[in-house]
Amino acid sequence: MSLKIAEESLPNPLVGMVECLVVVREYDEKRDKVAVEELERRCQFGQPGKPSIIIDLMGDPISRLRNFPSHVMMVAEYGKEREIAGIISGGIKTVRRAKKDMNDFPVYVKLACILGLRVSPTHRRLGIGTKLVQHLEEWCRKNGADYTYMATDCSNLPSIDLFTVKCEYVKFRTPAMLVHPVHAHYKPLDPGVAIVQVPPRLAELIYSRIFANSEFFPKDIDFILNNKLNLGTFMALPKKSLPICDSKTDILPQSFAILSVWNTKEVFKLVVKGVSALTYAFCMGTWVLDTLMPWLKLPSIPNIFSPFGIYFLYGLHMEGKGASRLMRCLCTFVHNMARDDTDCGALVAEVGKRDPLIEAIPHWKKFSWDEDVWCIKRLKAVKQEDEESCGPSDLIKSRPSSSVIFVDPRDF
């Protein structure tokens, strides 16, 4: 996602001269918390001449990392004053490869995710971003990671160049990011559709089955589903359908849609800056009008000029006759959940470009984008015995066995 990686410009001929002035070390909460929060506020995201997005961290900057089994945040100090000029963070998890071994057992690899790279606007073009990435990769190797990857939107060319040119990452997948604003009015639910909340244990069994051939499916899915940031897993099915999946018989309904909701607003909030007076008036006008006259069902834009949170939808899947209708109804249900949460301004989902879900998930094309670029790098050589036992085990060379992807909400 574009919010994850702050841009760094092209190489500067002074890099070699100032490199000795840069010291990278691990984050220390007592020493660094205030400076890191200030750096986050200074790093705005967006293209030149267009509105920018500012991240407002909630609580300790490292709090979101604690959802990973292994994690780290590093800071780059610059000059004699030891000013914090850049930060990077990452977490390591165990994920499933799409391919299975000869005995039909899932094969797992350790994957490190780069969650944020920020370089102070006054210290860019000095190679600080590259040095931070290199130090994080070394930490990942020491902690057993087989691969590391990052995500950014296709328009963030400086970040893509930094990773693919300087750090030797390769473009891996290009899923679509779908965004829908939360209106001031409630959306009507389909009376012919039943929506039930799925207990975490049952949701784990369902997800393990339907995402059996998906890349990056986390081994610790139970931890995610039981996490305090997870607002629940919900399934939509026709009211005349069979009951929800029976864990003993492993039988799913013939037609259903399922998703889980991750509350990112407890970790960070966003603010949009730099819009024209006309755009501001239009956006706020739609919200005020929709608030005063909700019966008009006006597709309003929420107040994105004050800190707002996001609900991230993950584990999205649908099957059977009328599945698109069920998924739309499920998204409507979550929209109304977000409507009751005054701090939530948008619903966000990320799906494969060839996944039929794209047509079923309500979203505004103006706010969404077709390509969220994932770049990946192998940190360890593939063992010959792995190649012989279960075929090409290199994630980079493998082709996706399914159009369906599982996006870990911790990566968002």
Protein backbone atom coordinates (compact mmCIF):
# COMPACT_ATOMS: atom_id res chain seq x y z
CA MET A 1 0.00 0.00 0.00
CA SER A 2 1.23 3.52 -0.80
CA LEU A 3 0.93 4.62 2.82
CA LYS A 4 3.57 2.12 3.90
CA ILE A 5 6.64 3.49 2.14
CA ALA A 6 7.71 7.12 2.14
CA GLU A 7 9.47 8.14 -1.02
CA GLU A 8 13.20 8.68 -1.41
CA SER A 9 14.57 10.56 -4.39
CA LEU A 10 17.25 9.55 -6.87
CA PRO A 11 20.91 9.10 -5.84
CA ASN A 12 22.90 12.11 -4.69
CA PRO A 13 26.63 12.37 -5.50
CA LEU A 14 27.23 13.40 -1.86
CA VAL A 15 26.00 10.05 -0.53
CA GLY A 16 29.46 8.57 -0.15
CA MET A 17 30.71 11.67 1.69
CA VAL A 18 27.92 11.69 4.28
CA GLU A 19 27.44 7.95 4.73
CA CYS A 20 29.85 7.92 7.68
CA LEU A 21 27.60 10.45 9.41
CA VAL A 22 24.68 8.01 9.48
CA VAL A 23 24.32 5.53 12.33
CA VAL A 24 21.52 2.94 12.28
CA ARG A 25 20.41 1.37 15.56
CA GLU A 26 17.34 -0.20 17.11
CA TYR A 27 14.53 2.01 18.37
CA ASP A 28 14.54 2.93 22.06
CA GLU A 29 11.14 4.04 23.32
CA LYS A 30 12.42 6.36 26.07
CA ARG A 31 14.93 8.10 23.82
CA ASP A 32 13.14 8.10 20.48
CA LYS A 33 9.34 8.12 20.91
CA VAL A 34 8.83 11.89 20.59
CA ALA A 35 11.28 12.29 17.69
CA VAL A 36 9.80 9.35 15.77
CA GLU A 37 6.25 10.68 16.17
CA GLU A 38 7.39 14.07 14.88
CA LEU A 39 9.14 12.44 11.91
CA GLU A 40 5.95 10.53 11.04
CA ARG A 41 3.99 13.80 11.00
CA ARG A 42 6.55 15.43 8.73
CA CYS A 43 6.49 12.62 6.18
CA GLN A 44 3.46 13.33 4.04
CA PHE A 45 2.33 10.98 1.29
CA GLY A 46 1.04 11.94 -2.11
CA GLN A 47 2.09 13.06 -5.55
CA PRO A 48 3.38 16.59 -6.27
CA GLY A 49 0.52 18.99 -6.86
CA LYS A 50 -2.05 16.65 -5.31
CA PRO A 51 -3.48 16.34 -1.78
CA SER A 52 -1.17 14.70 0.74
CA ILE A 53 -1.93 12.22 3.51
CA ILE A 54 -0.49 12.51 7.00
CA ILE A 55 -0.30 9.57 9.39
CA ASP A 56 -1.28 10.22 13.00
CA LEU A 57 0.08 7.39 15.15
CA MET A 58 -2.02 6.21 18.08
CA GLY A 59 0.07 5.36 21.12
CA ASP A 60 3.53 3.82 20.98
CA PRO A 61 5.01 3.84 17.42
CA ILE A 62 6.01 0.19 17.84
CA SER A 63 2.60 -1.00 19.07
CA ARG A 64 1.45 -2.37 15.70
CA LEU A 65 4.63 -4.44 15.42
CA ARG A 66 3.78 -6.40 18.53
CA ASN A 67 1.22 -8.36 16.52
CA PHE A 68 4.13 -10.14 14.79
CA PRO A 69 5.94 -13.09 16.39
CA SER A 70 9.23 -11.26 15.77
CA HIS A 71 9.63 -7.56 15.01
CA VAL A 72 11.98 -4.60 15.09
CA MET A 73 12.06 -0.84 14.52
CA MET A 74 15.30 0.92 13.56
CA VAL A 75 16.23 4.58 13.49
CA ALA A 76 18.91 6.39 11.50
CA GLU A 77 20.83 9.10 13.34
CA TYR A 78 22.54 11.77 11.27
CA GLY A 79 25.43 14.08 12.04
CA LYS A 80 27.13 15.02 15.27
CA GLU A 81 23.80 16.04 16.77
CA ARG A 82 22.51 12.48 16.29
CA GLU A 83 19.27 13.80 14.85
CA ILE A 84 16.80 11.06 13.89
CA ALA A 85 16.59 11.39 10.11
CA GLY A 86 14.86 8.13 9.21
CA ILE A 87 13.02 5.10 10.56
CA ILE A 88 12.16 1.64 9.32
CA SER A 89 10.18 -1.20 10.85
CA GLY A 90 9.47 -4.79 10.00
CA GLY A 91 7.98 -8.00 11.30
CA ILE A 92 8.62 -11.68 10.58
CA LYS A 93 5.88 -14.30 10.32
CA THR A 94 5.51 -17.82 8.98
CA VAL A 95 3.35 -18.13 5.87
CA ARG A 96 2.21 -20.89 3.58
CA ARG A 97 3.49 -21.29 0.03
CA ALA A 98 0.86 -22.05 -2.57
CA LYS A 99 2.60 -25.33 -3.47
CA LYS A 100 2.53 -28.42 -1.23
CA ASP A 101 5.10 -31.15 -0.76
CA MET A 102 4.89 -34.68 -2.18
CA ASN A 103 2.83 -35.84 0.83
CA ASP A 104 0.27 -33.05 0.28
CA PHE A 105 1.32 -31.23 3.44
CA PRO A 106 1.56 -27.43 3.35
CA VAL A 107 5.05 -25.96 3.04
CA TYR A 108 5.87 -22.88 5.10
CA VAL A 109 8.50 -20.16 4.81
CA LYS A 110 9.51 -17.29 7.06
CA LEU A 111 8.52 -13.98 5.50
CA ALA A 112 9.57 -10.52 6.67
CA CYS A 113 7.36 -7.55 5.88
CA ILE A 114 8.69 -3.99 5.71
CA LEU A 115 5.91 -2.01 7.34
CA GLY A 116 7.23 1.51 7.09
CA LEU A 117 10.20 3.43 5.75
CA ARG A 118 10.36 7.12 6.49
CA VAL A 119 13.14 9.60 5.73
CA SER A 120 12.95 13.18 6.93
CA PRO A 121 12.22 15.60 4.07
CA THR A 122 15.38 17.54 5.00
CA HIS A 123 17.60 14.45 4.81
CA ARG A 124 16.57 12.81 1.56
CA ARG A 125 18.92 11.98 -1.32
CA LEU A 126 21.63 11.04 1.17
CA GLY A 127 21.28 7.26 0.97
CA ILE A 128 19.65 7.00 4.39
CA GLY A 129 16.73 4.97 3.07
CA THR A 130 19.05 2.45 1.42
CA LYS A 131 21.11 2.06 4.57
CA LEU A 132 17.97 1.49 6.68
CA VAL A 133 16.77 -1.23 4.30
CA GLN A 134 20.15 -2.96 4.37
CA HIS A 135 20.26 -3.00 8.17
CA LEU A 136 16.70 -4.32 8.39
CA GLU A 137 17.52 -7.10 5.90
CA GLU A 138 20.51 -8.13 7.98
CA TRP A 139 18.32 -8.31 11.09
CA CYS A 140 15.80 -10.42 9.14
CA ARG A 141 18.51 -12.87 8.03
CA LYS A 142 19.76 -13.28 11.58
CA ASN A 143 16.22 -14.01 12.72
CA GLY A 144 15.63 -16.72 10.14
CA ALA A 145 13.62 -14.93 7.44
CA ASP A 146 13.72 -16.57 4.00
CA TYR A 147 12.23 -13.57 2.16
CA THR A 148 11.41 -9.94 2.76
CA TYR A 149 8.84 -7.88 0.91
CA MET A 150 7.26 -4.45 0.79
CA ALA A 151 4.19 -2.89 -0.80
CA THR A 152 3.50 0.48 -2.39
CA ASP A 153 1.15 1.86 -5.02
CA CYS A 154 2.26 1.95 -8.64
CA SER A 155 2.55 5.75 -8.73
CA ASN A 156 5.20 5.84 -5.99
CA LEU A 157 8.09 5.54 -8.42
CA PRO A 158 10.84 6.72 -6.02
CA SER A 159 10.02 3.90 -3.59
CA ILE A 160 9.81 1.33 -6.37
CA ASP A 161 13.19 2.48 -7.71
CA LEU A 162 14.75 2.39 -4.25
CA PHE A 163 13.79 -1.23 -3.72
CA THR A 164 14.05 -2.66 -7.23
CA VAL A 165 17.16 -0.78 -8.43
CA LYS A 166 19.22 -0.16 -5.32
CA CYS A 167 18.13 -3.04 -3.09
CA GLU A 168 17.53 -5.70 -5.80
CA TYR A 169 13.89 -6.49 -5.07
CA VAL A 170 11.66 -7.74 -7.87
CA LYS A 171 8.03 -6.94 -8.54
CA PHE A 172 6.00 -9.88 -7.33
CA ARG A 173 2.24 -9.25 -7.40
CA THR A 174 0.00 -6.29 -8.25
CA PRO A 175 -3.28 -6.61 -6.32
CA ALA A 176 -6.01 -3.98 -6.43
CA MET A 177 -6.76 -1.65 -3.52
CA LEU A 178 -10.48 -0.91 -3.13
CA VAL A 179 -11.67 2.02 -1.00
CA HIS A 180 -15.21 2.97 -0.02
CA PRO A 181 -16.01 6.07 2.10
CA VAL A 182 -18.32 5.72 5.07
CA HIS A 183 -21.47 7.77 4.49
CA ALA A 184 -23.45 9.67 7.11
CA HIS A 185 -26.51 7.50 6.33
CA TYR A 186 -27.06 3.80 6.83
CA LYS A 187 -27.29 1.55 3.80
CA PRO A 188 -30.33 -0.75 3.51
CA LEU A 189 -29.68 -4.47 3.98
CA ASP A 190 -31.07 -7.14 1.67
CA PRO A 191 -34.01 -8.77 3.51
CA GLY A 192 -33.33 -12.09 1.79
CA VAL A 193 -29.80 -12.38 3.19
CA ALA A 194 -28.83 -13.57 6.66
CA ILE A 195 -25.61 -12.32 8.26
CA VAL A 196 -24.07 -14.30 11.12
CA GLN A 197 -20.92 -13.77 13.16
CA VAL A 198 -18.49 -16.66 12.94
CA PRO A 199 -16.59 -17.67 16.11
CA PRO A 200 -12.78 -17.42 15.79
CA ARG A 201 -12.19 -21.19 15.97
CA LEU A 202 -14.71 -21.90 13.22
CA ALA A 203 -13.40 -18.98 11.15
CA GLU A 204 -9.92 -20.49 11.41
CA LEU A 205 -11.16 -23.81 10.03
CA ILE A 206 -13.03 -22.12 7.17
CA TYR A 207 -10.10 -19.89 6.19
CA SER A 208 -7.62 -22.76 6.34
CA ARG A 209 -9.79 -24.62 3.87
CA ILE A 210 -10.71 -21.92 1.37
CA PHE A 211 -7.21 -20.37 1.31
CA ALA A 212 -5.37 -23.70 1.17
CA ASN A 213 -3.76 -22.79 -2.19
CA SER A 214 -3.21 -19.10 -1.50
CA GLU A 215 0.18 -17.46 -1.06
CA PHE A 216 1.15 -15.76 2.18
CA PHE A 217 -1.59 -17.41 4.25
CA PRO A 218 -0.30 -16.97 7.84
CA LYS A 219 0.39 -19.98 10.00
CA ASP A 220 -0.78 -18.05 13.06
CA ILE A 221 -4.23 -17.22 11.65
CA ASP A 222 -5.68 -18.10 15.08
CA PHE A 223 -3.71 -15.24 16.66
CA ILE A 224 -5.06 -12.79 14.08
CA LEU A 225 -8.68 -13.86 14.52
CA ASN A 226 -8.42 -13.61 18.32
CA ASN A 227 -6.57 -10.28 18.25
CA LYS A 228 -8.18 -7.30 19.99
CA LEU A 229 -7.97 -5.35 16.70
CA ASN A 230 -10.13 -7.94 14.96
CA LEU A 231 -13.77 -6.83 15.14
CA GLY A 232 -15.09 -10.20 14.03
CA THR A 233 -15.63 -12.56 11.12
CA PHE A 234 -18.98 -12.42 9.37
CA MET A 235 -20.71 -14.67 6.85
CA ALA A 236 -23.62 -13.83 4.56
CA LEU A 237 -25.86 -16.56 3.17
CA PRO A 238 -29.40 -16.85 1.80
CA LYS A 239 -31.95 -17.06 4.62
CA LYS A 240 -33.21 -20.37 3.24
CA SER A 241 -29.69 -21.82 3.11
CA LEU A 242 -28.19 -24.50 5.34
CA PRO A 243 -26.67 -23.43 8.68
CA ILE A 244 -23.11 -22.23 8.84
CA CYS A 245 -20.25 -24.71 8.34
CA ASP A 246 -20.26 -27.66 10.73
CA SER A 247 -16.74 -28.12 12.14
CA LYS A 248 -17.34 -31.87 12.48
CA THR A 249 -18.54 -32.52 8.93
CA ASP A 250 -16.51 -29.70 7.28
CA ILE A 251 -19.46 -28.88 5.03
CA LEU A 252 -19.88 -25.28 3.91
CA PRO A 253 -23.14 -23.77 2.60
CA GLN A 254 -23.61 -23.99 -1.16
CA SER A 255 -23.69 -20.19 -1.41
CA PHE A 256 -21.98 -17.83 1.00
CA ALA A 257 -19.65 -14.84 1.41
CA ILE A 258 -17.24 -14.31 4.26
CA LEU A 259 -14.88 -11.61 5.53
CA SER A 260 -13.17 -10.34 8.68
CA VAL A 261 -12.79 -6.75 9.90
CA TRP A 262 -9.55 -5.27 11.26
CA ASN A 263 -9.71 -2.02 13.23
CA THR A 264 -6.66 -0.06 12.07
CA LYS A 265 -7.86 3.14 13.71
CA GLU A 266 -6.58 1.83 17.03
CA VAL A 267 -3.06 1.90 15.54
CA PHE A 268 -3.06 4.97 13.28
CA LYS A 269 -5.34 7.60 11.79
CA LEU A 270 -5.08 9.60 8.59
CA VAL A 271 -5.59 13.25 7.68
CA VAL A 272 -5.86 14.69 4.16
CA LYS A 273 -4.14 18.06 3.60
CA GLY A 274 -3.53 20.38 0.70
CA VAL A 275 -6.89 20.32 -1.11
CA SER A 276 -8.34 23.38 -2.81
CA ALA A 277 -11.03 25.48 -1.13
CA LEU A 278 -13.54 24.29 -3.74
CA THR A 279 -12.76 20.61 -3.11
CA TYR A 280 -12.97 21.14 0.64
CA ALA A 281 -16.33 22.87 0.34
CA PHE A 282 -17.71 20.11 -1.91
CA CYS A 283 -16.59 17.29 0.39
CA MET A 284 -17.83 18.92 3.57
CA GLY A 285 -21.05 19.97 1.84
CA THR A 286 -21.94 16.39 0.94
CA TRP A 287 -21.30 15.24 4.51
CA VAL A 288 -23.39 18.03 6.09
CA LEU A 289 -26.24 17.47 3.64
CA ASP A 290 -26.20 13.72 4.18
CA THR A 291 -26.16 14.21 7.97
CA LEU A 292 -29.12 16.59 7.94
CA MET A 293 -31.15 14.65 5.38
CA PRO A 294 -30.10 10.98 5.59
CA TRP A 295 -33.30 9.83 3.84
CA LEU A 296 -31.88 11.18 0.56
CA LYS A 297 -29.20 8.41 0.67
CA LEU A 298 -26.64 10.85 -0.68
CA PRO A 299 -23.27 9.17 -1.41
CA SER A 300 -21.37 11.58 0.82
CA ILE A 301 -17.68 11.97 1.55
CA PRO A 302 -16.77 11.82 5.26
CA ASN A 303 -14.71 14.44 7.04
CA ILE A 304 -11.28 13.36 5.82
CA PHE A 305 -9.74 16.69 6.87
CA SER A 306 -9.73 15.67 10.52
CA PRO A 307 -8.07 12.45 11.81
CA PHE A 308 -10.09 9.44 10.65
CA GLY A 309 -9.63 5.70 10.94
CA ILE A 310 -10.05 2.79 8.55
CA TYR A 311 -11.63 -0.64 8.74
CA PHE A 312 -9.56 -3.10 6.73
CA LEU A 313 -11.52 -6.01 5.24
CA TYR A 314 -9.56 -9.24 4.86
CA GLY A 315 -10.23 -12.92 4.33
CA LEU A 316 -12.78 -11.99 1.65
CA HIS A 317 -14.21 -14.98 -0.20
CA MET A 318 -17.46 -15.92 -1.91
CA GLU A 319 -18.88 -19.09 -3.43
CA GLY A 320 -22.01 -20.36 -5.12
CA LYS A 321 -25.05 -18.94 -6.86
CA GLY A 322 -25.71 -15.28 -6.12
CA ALA A 323 -22.37 -14.97 -4.29
CA SER A 324 -21.79 -11.42 -5.54
CA ARG A 325 -25.09 -10.34 -4.02
CA LEU A 326 -24.07 -11.90 -0.71
CA MET A 327 -20.69 -10.15 -0.70
CA ARG A 328 -22.26 -6.78 -1.46
CA CYS A 329 -24.69 -7.30 1.39
CA LEU A 330 -21.85 -8.26 3.71
CA CYS A 331 -19.94 -5.09 2.78
CA THR A 332 -23.10 -3.08 3.43
CA PHE A 333 -23.33 -4.64 6.88
CA VAL A 334 -19.73 -3.63 7.66
CA HIS A 335 -20.40 -0.14 6.29
CA ASN A 336 -23.20 0.26 8.81
CA MET A 337 -20.85 -0.98 11.55
CA ALA A 338 -18.41 1.74 10.54
CA ARG A 339 -21.26 4.28 10.41
CA ASP A 340 -21.82 3.67 14.13
CA ASP A 341 -18.13 4.34 14.73
CA THR A 342 -17.74 8.10 14.40
CA ASP A 343 -13.95 7.82 13.96
CA CYS A 344 -14.08 5.48 10.94
CA GLY A 345 -13.97 7.22 7.56
CA ALA A 346 -13.44 4.43 5.04
CA LEU A 347 -13.51 0.71 4.32
CA VAL A 348 -10.46 -0.72 2.53
CA ALA A 349 -9.95 -4.12 0.90
CA GLU A 350 -7.11 -5.58 -1.16
CA VAL A 351 -7.75 -8.40 -3.64
CA GLY A 352 -6.10 -10.06 -6.62
CA LYS A 353 -6.53 -8.29 -9.94
CA ARG A 354 -8.18 -11.34 -11.50
CA ASP A 355 -10.35 -12.11 -8.48
CA PRO A 356 -14.13 -11.83 -9.19
CA LEU A 357 -14.38 -10.08 -5.84
CA ILE A 358 -13.39 -6.82 -7.55
CA GLU A 359 -16.81 -6.60 -9.16
CA ALA A 360 -18.64 -7.60 -5.97
CA ILE A 361 -16.99 -5.27 -3.43
CA PRO A 362 -18.52 -1.75 -3.42
CA HIS A 363 -15.81 0.87 -3.93
CA TRP A 364 -15.22 4.30 -5.39
CA LYS A 365 -12.86 4.19 -8.36
CA LYS A 366 -11.78 7.76 -7.64
CA PHE A 367 -10.34 6.67 -4.30
CA SER A 368 -9.13 3.19 -5.33
CA TRP A 369 -6.23 2.08 -7.49
CA ASP A 370 -5.66 -0.90 -9.74
CA GLU A 371 -2.11 -1.76 -8.75
CA ASP A 372 -0.67 -2.01 -5.27
CA VAL A 373 2.84 -3.18 -6.14
CA TRP A 374 4.36 -5.94 -4.00
CA CYS A 375 8.14 -6.30 -4.27
CA ILE A 376 10.03 -9.27 -2.82
CA LYS A 377 13.63 -10.34 -2.23
CA ARG A 378 15.08 -13.72 -1.32
CA LEU A 379 17.38 -13.51 1.68
CA LYS A 380 18.49 -17.14 1.70
CA ALA A 381 19.45 -19.48 -1.12
CA VAL A 382 16.95 -22.23 -1.96
CA LYS A 383 18.22 -25.60 -0.77
CA GLN A 384 18.65 -28.28 -3.42
CA GLU A 385 16.75 -30.86 -1.36
CA ASP A 386 13.76 -28.48 -1.23
CA GLU A 387 13.77 -28.22 -5.01
CA GLU A 388 13.87 -32.00 -5.36
CA SER A 389 11.21 -32.77 -2.75
CA CYS A 390 8.52 -30.26 -3.63
CA GLY A 391 9.41 -28.60 -6.91
CA PRO A 392 10.45 -24.96 -7.40
CA SER A 393 10.34 -23.59 -3.88
CA ASP A 394 11.43 -20.08 -4.80
CA LEU A 395 8.48 -17.72 -4.27
CA ILE A 396 10.00 -15.24 -6.70
CA LYS A 397 10.01 -17.69 -9.63
CA SER A 398 6.69 -19.35 -8.81
CA ARG A 399 3.49 -18.42 -10.56
CA PRO A 400 0.36 -17.87 -8.50
CA SER A 401 -1.68 -21.07 -8.38
CA SER A 402 -4.85 -19.08 -7.72
CA SER A 403 -6.25 -15.60 -8.40
CA VAL A 404 -7.22 -15.50 -4.72
CA ILE A 405 -4.76 -13.93 -2.27
CA PHE A 406 -4.89 -13.63 1.48
CA VAL A 407 -3.81 -10.20 2.69
CA ASP A 408 -2.63 -10.21 6.28
CA PRO A 409 -4.19 -7.22 8.10
CA ARG A 410 -0.98 -6.78 10.12
CA ASP A 411 0.77 -5.75 6.90
CA PHE A 412 -1.63 -2.86 6.28
